[in-house]
PDB file of N, CA and C in Angstrom:
ATOM      1  N   GLY A   1      84.870 -37.126  42.971  1.00  0.00           N
ATOM      2  CA  GLY A   1      85.267 -38.366  42.777  1.00  0.00           C
ATOM      3  C   GLY A   1      86.574 -38.765  43.164  1.00  0.00           C
ATOM      4  N   GLY A   2      86.563 -39.255  42.164  1.00  0.00           N
ATOM      5  CA  GLY A   2      88.093 -40.344  42.479  1.00  0.00           C
ATOM      6  C   GLY A   2      88.065 -41.181  43.450  1.00  0.00           C
ATOM      7  N   LYS A   3      89.339 -42.706  43.640  1.00  0.00           N
ATOM      8  CA  LYS A   3      90.330 -43.374  44.423  1.00  0.00           C
ATOM      9  C   LYS A   3      90.217 -42.614  45.912  1.00  0.00           C
ATOM     10  N   ASP A   4      90.011 -43.093  46.905  1.00  0.00           N
ATOM     11  CA  ASP A   4      91.625 -42.822  47.901  1.00  0.00           C
ATOM     12  C   ASP A   4      92.660 -44.360  48.149  1.00  0.00           C
ATOM     13  N   PHE A   5      93.313 -44.165  47.786  1.00  0.00           N
ATOM     14  CA  PHE A   5      94.376 -45.248  47.635  1.00  0.00           C
ATOM     15  C   PHE A   5      95.496 -44.872  48.843  1.00  0.00           C
ATOM     16  N   THR A   6      95.167 -44.036  49.430  1.00  0.00           N
ATOM     17  CA  THR A   6      95.877 -43.542  50.878  1.00  0.00           C
ATOM     18  C   THR A   6      95.442 -42.989  51.859  1.00  0.00           C
ATOM     19  N   THR A   7      95.205 -42.661  53.373  1.00  0.00           N
ATOM     20  CA  THR A   7      95.186 -41.314  54.105  1.00  0.00           C
ATOM     21  C   THR A   7      95.477 -40.009  53.918  1.00  0.00           C
ATOM     22  N   PRO A   8      94.844 -38.783  54.250  1.00  0.00           N
ATOM     23  CA  PRO A   8      95.460 -37.172  53.956  1.00  0.00           C
ATOM     24  C   PRO A   8      96.465 -37.401  54.359  1.00  0.00           C
ATOM     25  N   TRP A   9      97.488 -36.657  54.175  1.00  0.00           N
ATOM     26  CA  TRP A   9      99.070 -36.439  54.534  1.00  0.00           C
ATOM     27  C   TRP A   9      98.744 -34.960  55.904  1.00  0.00           C
ATOM     28  N   ARG A  10      99.912 -34.854  56.598  1.00  0.00           N
ATOM     29  CA  ARG A  10      99.881 -34.261  57.887  1.00  0.00           C
ATOM     30  C   ARG A  10     100.627 -33.156  57.574  1.00  0.00           C
ATOM     31  N   ASP A  11     101.131 -32.531  58.707  1.00  0.00           N
ATOM     32  CA  ASP A  11     102.462 -31.539  58.511  1.00  0.00           C
ATOM     33  C   ASP A  11     103.287 -32.818  58.985  1.00  0.00           C
ATOM     34  N   GLY A  12     104.797 -32.221  59.003  1.00  0.00           N
ATOM     35  CA  GLY A  12     105.989 -32.589  59.260  1.00  0.00           C
ATOM     36  C   GLY A  12     105.897 -34.535  58.454  1.00  0.00           C
ATOM     37  N   GLU A  13     105.012 -35.056  57.723  1.00  0.00           N
ATOM     38  CA  GLU A  13     105.758 -35.489  57.576  1.00  0.00           C
ATOM     39  C   GLU A  13     106.216 -36.145  55.732  1.00  0.00           C
ATOM     40  N   THR A  14     107.063 -36.991  55.879  1.00  0.00           N
ATOM     41  CA  THR A  14     107.852 -37.369  55.107  1.00  0.00           C
ATOM     42  C   THR A  14     106.669 -38.795  53.915  1.00  0.00           C
ATOM     43  N   VAL A  15     106.574 -38.005  52.753  1.00  0.00           N
ATOM     44  CA  VAL A  15     105.989 -38.693  51.825  1.00  0.00           C
ATOM     45  C   VAL A  15     106.567 -39.068  50.743  1.00  0.00           C
ATOM     46  N   GLY A  16     106.297 -40.373  49.937  1.00  0.00           N
ATOM     47  CA  GLY A  16     106.804 -40.834  48.729  1.00  0.00           C
ATOM     48  C   GLY A  16     105.490 -40.960  48.081  1.00  0.00           C
ATOM     49  N   VAL A  17     106.354 -40.902  46.369  1.00  0.00           N
ATOM     50  CA  VAL A  17     105.048 -41.518  45.537  1.00  0.00           C
ATOM     51  C   VAL A  17     106.166 -42.449  44.105  1.00  0.00           C
ATOM     52  N   GLY A  18     106.178 -43.582  43.983  1.00  0.00           N
ATOM     53  CA  GLY A  18     106.705 -44.089  43.369  1.00  0.00           C
ATOM     54  C   GLY A  18     105.876 -45.298  42.046  1.00  0.00           C
ATOM     55  N   MET A  19     107.101 -45.484  41.270  1.00  0.00           N
ATOM     56  CA  MET A  19     106.538 -46.573  40.362  1.00  0.00           C
ATOM     57  C   MET A  19     107.505 -47.648  40.163  1.00  0.00           C
ATOM     58  N   ARG A  20     107.194 -49.343  39.739  1.00  0.00           N
ATOM     59  CA  ARG A  20     107.885 -50.130  39.796  1.00  0.00           C
ATOM     60  C   ARG A  20     107.282 -50.579  38.752  1.00  0.00           C
ATOM     61  N   PHE A  21     108.284 -51.447  37.453  1.00  0.00           N
ATOM     62  CA  PHE A  21     107.880 -52.132  36.762  1.00  0.00           C
ATOM     63  C   PHE A  21     108.289 -53.443  36.948  1.00  0.00           C
ATOM     64  N   ALA A  22     108.103 -54.517  36.090  1.00  0.00           N
ATOM     65  CA  ALA A  22     108.895 -55.774  36.260  1.00  0.00           C
ATOM     66  C   ALA A  22     108.242 -56.348  34.336  1.00  0.00           C
ATOM     67  N   VAL A  23     108.932 -57.359  34.214  1.00  0.00           N
ATOM     68  CA  VAL A  23     108.064 -58.027  33.310  1.00  0.00           C
ATOM     69  C   VAL A  23     106.813 -58.624  33.363  1.00  0.00           C
ATOM     70  N   SER A  24     106.138 -59.255  33.074  1.00  0.00           N
ATOM     71  CA  SER A  24     104.816 -59.755  32.914  1.00  0.00           C
ATOM     72  C   SER A  24     105.258 -61.178  32.500  1.00  0.00           C
ATOM     73  N   GLU A  25     105.019 -61.833  32.870  1.00  0.00           N
ATOM     74  CA  GLU A  25     104.743 -63.599  32.523  1.00  0.00           C
ATOM     75  C   GLU A  25     103.779 -64.004  31.118  1.00  0.00           C
ATOM     76  N   GLN A  26     102.514 -62.936  31.446  1.00  0.00           N
ATOM     77  CA  GLN A  26     101.986 -63.466  30.321  1.00  0.00           C
ATOM     78  C   GLN A  26     102.237 -62.883  28.508  1.00  0.00           C
ATOM     79  N   PRO A  27     101.841 -63.515  27.965  1.00  0.00           N
ATOM     80  CA  PRO A  27     102.622 -62.970  26.281  1.00  0.00           C
ATOM     81  C   PRO A  27     101.640 -62.151  25.812  1.00  0.00           C
ATOM     82  N   PRO A  28     102.273 -60.796  24.483  1.00  0.00           N
ATOM     83  CA  PRO A  28     101.102 -60.142  24.445  1.00  0.00           C
ATOM     84  C   PRO A  28      99.584 -60.473  23.970  1.00  0.00           C
ATOM     85  N   GLY A  29      98.963 -59.794  23.668  1.00  0.00           N
ATOM     86  CA  GLY A  29      97.369 -60.366  23.280  1.00  0.00           C
ATOM     87  C   GLY A  29      97.508 -60.166  22.107  1.00  0.00           C
ATOM     88  N   TYR A  30      96.249 -60.512  21.479  1.00  0.00           N
ATOM     89  CA  TYR A  30      95.549 -60.590  20.172  1.00  0.00           C
ATOM     90  C   TYR A  30      96.030 -58.346  19.802  1.00  0.00           C
ATOM     91  N   GLY A  31      96.705 -58.346  18.509  1.00  0.00           N
ATOM     92  CA  GLY A  31      97.026 -56.875  18.196  1.00  0.00           C
ATOM     93  C   GLY A  31      98.234 -56.240  19.313  1.00  0.00           C
ATOM     94  N   GLU A  32      98.498 -56.910  20.118  1.00  0.00           N
ATOM     95  CA  GLU A  32      99.630 -55.594  21.086  1.00  0.00           C
ATOM     96  C   GLU A  32     100.709 -56.543  20.372  1.00  0.00           C
ATOM     97  N   SER A  33     102.002 -55.402  20.010  1.00  0.00           N
ATOM     98  CA  SER A  33     103.400 -55.824  19.499  1.00  0.00           C
ATOM     99  C   SER A  33     104.222 -55.861  20.574  1.00  0.00           C
ATOM    100  N   ARG A  34     103.512 -55.831  21.795  1.00  0.00           N
ATOM    101  CA  ARG A  34     104.572 -56.248  23.058  1.00  0.00           C
ATOM    102  C   ARG A  34     103.687 -56.392  24.724  1.00  0.00           C
ATOM    103  N   ALA A  35     104.528 -57.357  25.105  1.00  0.00           N
ATOM    104  CA  ALA A  35     104.412 -57.749  26.402  1.00  0.00           C
ATOM    105  C   ALA A  35     103.920 -56.802  27.226  1.00  0.00           C
ATOM    106  N   ARG A  36     102.751 -56.421  27.293  1.00  0.00           N
ATOM    107  CA  ARG A  36     102.486 -55.403  28.847  1.00  0.00           C
ATOM    108  C   ARG A  36     103.689 -55.734  30.048  1.00  0.00           C
ATOM    109  N   LEU A  37     104.126 -53.959  30.525  1.00  0.00           N
ATOM    110  CA  LEU A  37     104.451 -54.290  31.260  1.00  0.00           C
ATOM    111  C   LEU A  37     103.977 -54.679  33.005  1.00  0.00           C
ATOM    112  N   LYS A  38     104.422 -54.734  34.088  1.00  0.00           N
ATOM    113  CA  LYS A  38     103.121 -54.996  35.140  1.00  0.00           C
ATOM    114  C   LYS A  38     103.691 -53.662  35.839  1.00  0.00           C
ATOM    115  N   VAL A  39     103.159 -52.539  36.517  1.00  0.00           N
ATOM    116  CA  VAL A  39     103.766 -50.910  37.049  1.00  0.00           C
ATOM    117  C   VAL A  39     102.517 -51.160  38.163  1.00  0.00           C
ATOM    118  N   GLU A  40     103.018 -51.198  39.554  1.00  0.00           N
ATOM    119  CA  GLU A  40     102.672 -50.581  40.434  1.00  0.00           C
ATOM    120  C   GLU A  40     102.887 -49.370  40.861  1.00  0.00           C
ATOM    121  N   VAL A  41     102.023 -48.591  41.147  1.00  0.00           N
ATOM    122  CA  VAL A  41     101.890 -46.588  41.391  1.00  0.00           C
ATOM    123  C   VAL A  41     101.956 -47.374  43.409  1.00  0.00           C
ATOM    124  N   PHE A  42     102.912 -46.935  43.916  1.00  0.00           N
ATOM    125  CA  PHE A  42     102.865 -47.083  45.083  1.00  0.00           C
ATOM    126  C   PHE A  42     103.112 -45.586  45.918  1.00  0.00           C
ATOM    127  N   PHE A  43     102.849 -45.385  47.392  1.00  0.00           N
ATOM    128  CA  PHE A  43     103.222 -44.425  48.102  1.00  0.00           C
ATOM    129  C   PHE A  43     103.278 -44.336  49.460  1.00  0.00           C
ATOM    130  N   THR A  44     104.741 -43.504  49.810  1.00  0.00           N
ATOM    131  CA  THR A  44     105.078 -43.970  51.087  1.00  0.00           C
ATOM    132  C   THR A  44     104.787 -42.814  51.789  1.00  0.00           C
ATOM    133  N   ARG A  45     104.587 -43.123  53.530  1.00  0.00           N
ATOM    134  CA  ARG A  45     105.155 -42.310  54.816  1.00  0.00           C
ATOM    135  C   ARG A  45     105.852 -42.424  55.461  1.00  0.00           C
ATOM    136  N   ASN A  46     106.949 -41.359  55.417  1.00  0.00           N
ATOM    137  CA  ASN A  46     107.760 -41.892  57.084  1.00  0.00           C
ATOM    138  C   ASN A  46     108.758 -42.819  56.891  1.00  0.00           C
ATOM    139  N   GLY A  47     109.108 -43.169  55.386  1.00  0.00           N
ATOM    140  CA  GLY A  47     109.774 -44.536  54.953  1.00  0.00           C
ATOM    141  C   GLY A  47     108.741 -45.823  54.776  1.00  0.00           C
ATOM    142  N   ALA A  48     107.824 -45.933  55.219  1.00  0.00           N
ATOM    143  CA  ALA A  48     107.242 -46.897  54.890  1.00  0.00           C
ATOM    144  C   ALA A  48     106.101 -47.294  53.680  1.00  0.00           C
ATOM    145  N   LYS A  49     106.080 -48.098  53.175  1.00  0.00           N
ATOM    146  CA  LYS A  49     104.759 -48.296  52.473  1.00  0.00           C
ATOM    147  C   LYS A  49     103.450 -48.049  53.124  1.00  0.00           C
ATOM    148  N   ALA A  50     102.446 -46.957  52.446  1.00  0.00           N
ATOM    149  CA  ALA A  50     101.443 -46.230  52.751  1.00  0.00           C
ATOM    150  C   ALA A  50     100.280 -46.538  52.006  1.00  0.00           C
ATOM    151  N   GLY A  51     100.137 -48.017  50.764  1.00  0.00           N
ATOM    152  CA  GLY A  51      99.442 -47.513  49.684  1.00  0.00           C
ATOM    153  C   GLY A  51     100.023 -47.490  48.489  1.00  0.00           C
ATOM    154  N   GLY A  52      98.473 -47.996  47.391  1.00  0.00           N
ATOM    155  CA  GLY A  52      99.336 -48.238  45.969  1.00  0.00           C
ATOM    156  C   GLY A  52      98.508 -48.862  45.321  1.00  0.00           C
ATOM    157  N   TRP A  53      98.641 -49.194  43.704  1.00  0.00           N
ATOM    158  CA  TRP A  53      97.342 -49.908  42.960  1.00  0.00           C
ATOM    159  C   TRP A  53      98.518 -50.216  42.363  1.00  0.00           C
ATOM    160  N   ASP A  54      98.013 -51.336  41.001  1.00  0.00           N
ATOM    161  CA  ASP A  54      97.819 -52.002  39.863  1.00  0.00           C
ATOM    162  C   ASP A  54      97.842 -50.860  38.785  1.00  0.00           C
ATOM    163  N   VAL A  55      98.352 -50.475  38.101  1.00  0.00           N
ATOM    164  CA  VAL A  55      98.125 -49.511  37.128  1.00  0.00           C
ATOM    165  C   VAL A  55      97.350 -50.610  36.007  1.00  0.00           C
ATOM    166  N   HIS A  56      97.318 -51.997  35.793  1.00  0.00           N
ATOM    167  CA  HIS A  56      96.628 -52.814  34.779  1.00  0.00           C
ATOM    168  C   HIS A  56      94.785 -53.548  35.852  1.00  0.00           C
ATOM    169  N   GLU A  57      94.659 -52.886  36.999  1.00  0.00           N
ATOM    170  CA  GLU A  57      93.745 -53.337  37.666  1.00  0.00           C
ATOM    171  C   GLU A  57      92.211 -53.235  36.510  1.00  0.00           C
ATOM    172  N   GLU A  58      91.814 -54.237  37.240  1.00  0.00           N
ATOM    173  CA  GLU A  58      90.747 -54.336  36.229  1.00  0.00           C
ATOM    174  C   GLU A  58      89.759 -53.405  36.783  1.00  0.00           C
ATOM    175  N   LYS A  59      88.699 -52.660  36.292  1.00  0.00           N
ATOM    176  CA  LYS A  59      87.631 -51.305  36.571  1.00  0.00           C
ATOM    177  C   LYS A  59      86.222 -51.453  36.585  1.00  0.00           C
ATOM    178  N   ASP A  60      85.544 -51.364  37.122  1.00  0.00           N
ATOM    179  CA  ASP A  60      84.280 -51.418  36.103  1.00  0.00           C
ATOM    180  C   ASP A  60      83.821 -50.777  34.893  1.00  0.00           C
ATOM    181  N   LEU A  61      82.732 -51.478  34.984  1.00  0.00           N
ATOM    182  CA  LEU A  61      82.250 -51.478  33.295  1.00  0.00           C
ATOM    183  C   LEU A  61      81.812 -49.351  32.994  1.00  0.00           C
ATOM    184  N   ASP A  62      81.745 -48.485  34.590  1.00  0.00           N
ATOM    185  CA  ASP A  62      81.170 -47.558  34.170  1.00  0.00           C
ATOM    186  C   ASP A  62      82.228 -46.863  34.650  1.00  0.00           C
ATOM    187  N   ASP A  63      83.388 -47.311  35.032  1.00  0.00           N
ATOM    188  CA  ASP A  63      84.474 -46.218  35.027  1.00  0.00           C
ATOM    189  C   ASP A  63      84.794 -45.668  33.950  1.00  0.00           C
ATOM    190  N   THR A  64      84.723 -44.526  34.220  1.00  0.00           N
ATOM    191  CA  THR A  64      85.389 -43.584  32.602  1.00  0.00           C
ATOM    192  C   THR A  64      86.390 -43.109  33.454  1.00  0.00           C
ATOM    193  N   SER A  65      87.516 -43.366  33.914  1.00  0.00           N
ATOM    194  CA  SER A  65      87.887 -42.342  34.702  1.00  0.00           C
ATOM    195  C   SER A  65      89.644 -42.175  33.866  1.00  0.00           C
ATOM    196  N   GLY A  66      89.312 -43.239  32.377  1.00  0.00           N
ATOM    197  CA  GLY A  66      90.456 -42.849  31.319  1.00  0.00           C
ATOM    198  C   GLY A  66      91.469 -44.266  31.299  1.00  0.00           C
ATOM    199  N   ASP A  67      92.258 -44.011  30.028  1.00  0.00           N
ATOM    200  CA  ASP A  67      93.424 -44.906  29.686  1.00  0.00           C
ATOM    201  C   ASP A  67      94.337 -44.784  31.029  1.00  0.00           C
ATOM    202  N   VAL A  68      95.148 -45.499  30.584  1.00  0.00           N
ATOM    203  CA  VAL A  68      96.783 -45.598  31.721  1.00  0.00           C
ATOM    204  C   VAL A  68      97.999 -45.135  30.508  1.00  0.00           C
ATOM    205  N   GLN A  69      97.656 -45.141  28.913  1.00  0.00           N
ATOM    206  CA  GLN A  69      98.999 -45.448  28.295  1.00  0.00           C
ATOM    207  C   GLN A  69      99.456 -43.907  29.184  1.00  0.00           C
ATOM    208  N   GLY A  70     100.945 -44.555  29.002  1.00  0.00           N
ATOM    209  CA  GLY A  70     101.667 -43.522  29.358  1.00  0.00           C
ATOM    210  C   GLY A  70     102.259 -43.561  30.777  1.00  0.00           C
ATOM    211  N   LEU A  71     101.813 -44.302  31.401  1.00  0.00           N
ATOM    212  CA  LEU A  71     102.216 -44.332  32.303  1.00  0.00           C
ATOM    213  C   LEU A  71     102.547 -46.459  32.760  1.00  0.00           C
ATOM    214  N   GLU A  72     103.239 -46.644  31.257  1.00  0.00           N
ATOM    215  CA  GLU A  72     103.437 -48.012  31.457  1.00  0.00           C
ATOM    216  C   GLU A  72     104.390 -48.167  31.393  1.00  0.00           C
ATOM    217  N   GLY A  73     105.845 -47.477  31.355  1.00  0.00           N
ATOM    218  CA  GLY A  73     106.844 -47.308  30.752  1.00  0.00           C
ATOM    219  C   GLY A  73     107.908 -47.709  29.818  1.00  0.00           C
ATOM    220  N   PHE A  74     106.697 -47.424  28.711  1.00  0.00           N
ATOM    221  CA  PHE A  74     107.379 -48.056  27.107  1.00  0.00           C
ATOM    222  C   PHE A  74     107.895 -45.795  26.796  1.00  0.00           C
ATOM    223  N   HIS A  75     106.998 -44.899  27.679  1.00  0.00           N
ATOM    224  CA  HIS A  75     107.542 -43.469  27.414  1.00  0.00           C
ATOM    225  C   HIS A  75     107.846 -43.186  28.265  1.00  0.00           C
ATOM    226  N   ASP A  76     108.468 -41.716  28.220  1.00  0.00           N
ATOM    227  CA  ASP A  76     109.243 -40.785  28.915  1.00  0.00           C
ATOM    228  C   ASP A  76     108.189 -40.743  30.501  1.00  0.00           C
ATOM    229  N   LEU A  77     108.878 -40.982  31.482  1.00  0.00           N
ATOM    230  CA  LEU A  77     107.669 -40.555  32.435  1.00  0.00           C
ATOM    231  C   LEU A  77     108.530 -38.972  33.404  1.00  0.00           C
ATOM    232  N   HIS A  78     107.542 -38.360  33.581  1.00  0.00           N
ATOM    233  CA  HIS A  78     108.003 -36.724  34.435  1.00  0.00           C
ATOM    234  C   HIS A  78     107.267 -36.310  35.962  1.00  0.00           C
ATOM    235  N   ALA A  79     108.206 -36.115  36.741  1.00  0.00           N
ATOM    236  CA  ALA A  79     107.142 -35.748  37.699  1.00  0.00           C
ATOM    237  C   ALA A  79     106.841 -34.588  38.037  1.00  0.00           C
ATOM    238  N   ALA A  80     105.059 -34.149  38.342  1.00  0.00           N
ATOM    239  CA  ALA A  80     105.030 -33.020  38.276  1.00  0.00           C
ATOM    240  C   ALA A  80     104.362 -33.420  40.168  1.00  0.00           C
ATOM    241  N   VAL A  81     104.019 -32.313  40.637  1.00  0.00           N
ATOM    242  CA  VAL A  81     103.390 -31.791  41.809  1.00  0.00           C
ATOM    243  C   VAL A  81     102.225 -30.723  41.743  1.00  0.00           C
ATOM    244  N   GLY A  82     101.155 -31.621  42.514  1.00  0.00           N
ATOM    245  CA  GLY A  82     100.208 -30.648  42.806  1.00  0.00           C
ATOM    246  C   GLY A  82      99.534 -30.165  43.351  1.00  0.00           C
ATOM    247  N   ILE A  83      99.205 -29.529  44.502  1.00  0.00           N
ATOM    248  CA  ILE A  83      98.644 -29.182  46.025  1.00  0.00           C
ATOM    249  C   ILE A  83      97.541 -28.447  45.848  1.00  0.00           C
ATOM    250  N   PHE A  84      97.038 -27.484  47.651  1.00  0.00           N
ATOM    251  CA  PHE A  84      95.489 -26.718  47.420  1.00  0.00           C
ATOM    252  C   PHE A  84      96.397 -26.200  48.596  1.00  0.00           C
ATOM    253  N   GLY A  85      96.395 -25.031  48.141  1.00  0.00           N
ATOM    254  CA  GLY A  85      96.667 -24.148  49.151  1.00  0.00           C
ATOM    255  C   GLY A  85      98.480 -23.770  49.601  1.00  0.00           C
ATOM    256  N   GLY A  86      98.456 -23.541  50.933  1.00  0.00           N
ATOM    257  CA  GLY A  86     100.549 -23.363  50.466  1.00  0.00           C
ATOM    258  C   GLY A  86     100.877 -24.604  51.395  1.00  0.00           C
ATOM    259  N   SER A  87     102.175 -24.633  50.588  1.00  0.00           N
ATOM    260  CA  SER A  87     102.694 -25.644  51.092  1.00  0.00           C
ATOM    261  C   SER A  87     104.064 -25.878  51.207  1.00  0.00           C
ATOM    262  N   ASP A  88     105.532 -25.723  52.282  1.00  0.00           N
ATOM    263  CA  ASP A  88     106.881 -26.538  52.214  1.00  0.00           C
ATOM    264  C   ASP A  88     106.959 -28.248  51.708  1.00  0.00           C
ATOM    265  N   PHE A  89     108.315 -28.188  50.249  1.00  0.00           N
ATOM    266  CA  PHE A  89     108.095 -29.392  49.973  1.00  0.00           C
ATOM    267  C   PHE A  89     109.598 -29.726  49.452  1.00  0.00           C
ATOM    268  N   GLN A  90     110.051 -30.542  49.153  1.00  0.00           N
ATOM    269  CA  GLN A  90     111.013 -31.535  48.476  1.00  0.00           C
ATOM    270  C   GLN A  90     110.692 -31.788  47.613  1.00  0.00           C
ATOM    271  N   ILE A  91     111.716 -32.073  46.463  1.00  0.00           N
ATOM    272  CA  ILE A  91     111.386 -32.910  45.980  1.00  0.00           C
ATOM    273  C   ILE A  91     112.931 -33.186  45.542  1.00  0.00           C
ATOM    274  N   ILE A  92     112.955 -35.129  46.016  1.00  0.00           N
ATOM    275  CA  ILE A  92     114.469 -35.602  46.311  1.00  0.00           C
ATOM    276  C   ILE A  92     114.124 -36.819  45.051  1.00  0.00           C
ATOM    277  N   LEU A  93     114.947 -37.172  44.105  1.00  0.00           N
ATOM    278  CA  LEU A  93     115.022 -37.460  43.107  1.00  0.00           C
ATOM    279  C   LEU A  93     116.421 -38.997  42.949  1.00  0.00           C
ATOM    280  N   ASN A  94     117.201 -38.290  44.513  1.00  0.00           N
ATOM    281  CA  ASN A  94     118.488 -38.734  44.347  1.00  0.00           C
ATOM    282  C   ASN A  94     118.130 -39.875  45.305  1.00  0.00           C
ATOM    283  N   PRO A  95     118.069 -41.458  44.298  1.00  0.00           N
ATOM    284  CA  PRO A  95     118.395 -42.679  45.749  1.00  0.00           C
ATOM    285  C   PRO A  95     118.131 -42.947  47.094  1.00  0.00           C
ATOM    286  N   ALA A  96     119.840 -42.315  47.007  1.00  0.00           N
ATOM    287  CA  ALA A  96     120.825 -42.306  48.321  1.00  0.00           C
ATOM    288  C   ALA A  96     119.900 -41.714  49.076  1.00  0.00           C
ATOM    289  N   GLU A  97     118.950 -40.806  48.664  1.00  0.00           N
ATOM    290  CA  GLU A  97     118.432 -39.155  49.695  1.00  0.00           C
ATOM    291  C   GLU A  97     116.864 -40.276  50.062  1.00  0.00           C
ATOM    292  N   TRP A  98     116.071 -41.061  49.570  1.00  0.00           N
ATOM    293  CA  TRP A  98     114.999 -41.786  49.525  1.00  0.00           C
ATOM    294  C   TRP A  98     115.373 -42.510  51.077  1.00  0.00           C
ATOM    295  N   LYS A  99     113.738 -42.553  51.809  1.00  0.00           N
ATOM    296  CA  LYS A  99     113.867 -43.091  53.047  1.00  0.00           C
ATOM    297  C   LYS A  99     113.071 -44.325  52.778  1.00  0.00           C
ATOM    298  N   TYR A 100     112.811 -44.516  51.834  1.00  0.00           N
ATOM    299  CA  TYR A 100     112.049 -46.388  50.898  1.00  0.00           C
ATOM    300  C   TYR A 100     112.237 -46.577  49.476  1.00  0.00           C
ATOM    301  N   TYR A 101     113.021 -48.191  50.259  1.00  0.00           N
ATOM    302  CA  TYR A 101     113.210 -48.236  48.506  1.00  0.00           C
ATOM    303  C   TYR A 101     112.629 -49.723  48.357  1.00  0.00           C
ATOM    304  N   PRO A 102     111.787 -49.907  47.070  1.00  0.00           N
ATOM    305  CA  PRO A 102     110.946 -51.076  47.197  1.00  0.00           C
ATOM    306  C   PRO A 102     111.910 -52.485  46.854  1.00  0.00           C
ATOM    307  N   GLU A 103     111.224 -53.536  47.446  1.00  0.00           N
ATOM    308  CA  GLU A 103     111.857 -54.775  47.671  1.00  0.00           C
ATOM    309  C   GLU A 103     112.104 -55.050  45.768  1.00  0.00           C
TER     310      GLU A 103
END
């Protein structure tokens, strides 16, 4: 299940994931206390953007994959890594060491 947002990573590649938050031009909807942020999740591979999606993109009516509450930037976000099988990796949170910088 799920939706592919990028191709599988290979040994030796440097990969990353990030989120960009921006103020939406649209006013809050009825019943909303604040404007919705524009949120993009992106993947990088060897310093170049390699895919991603808009957190608020439209979903099919039969899509029951869940809500995006908590990914919108109004709450604390924490990094989590899940892998299958054995793997060596580093998590680099220092922007000075990143290979990709969002525009």
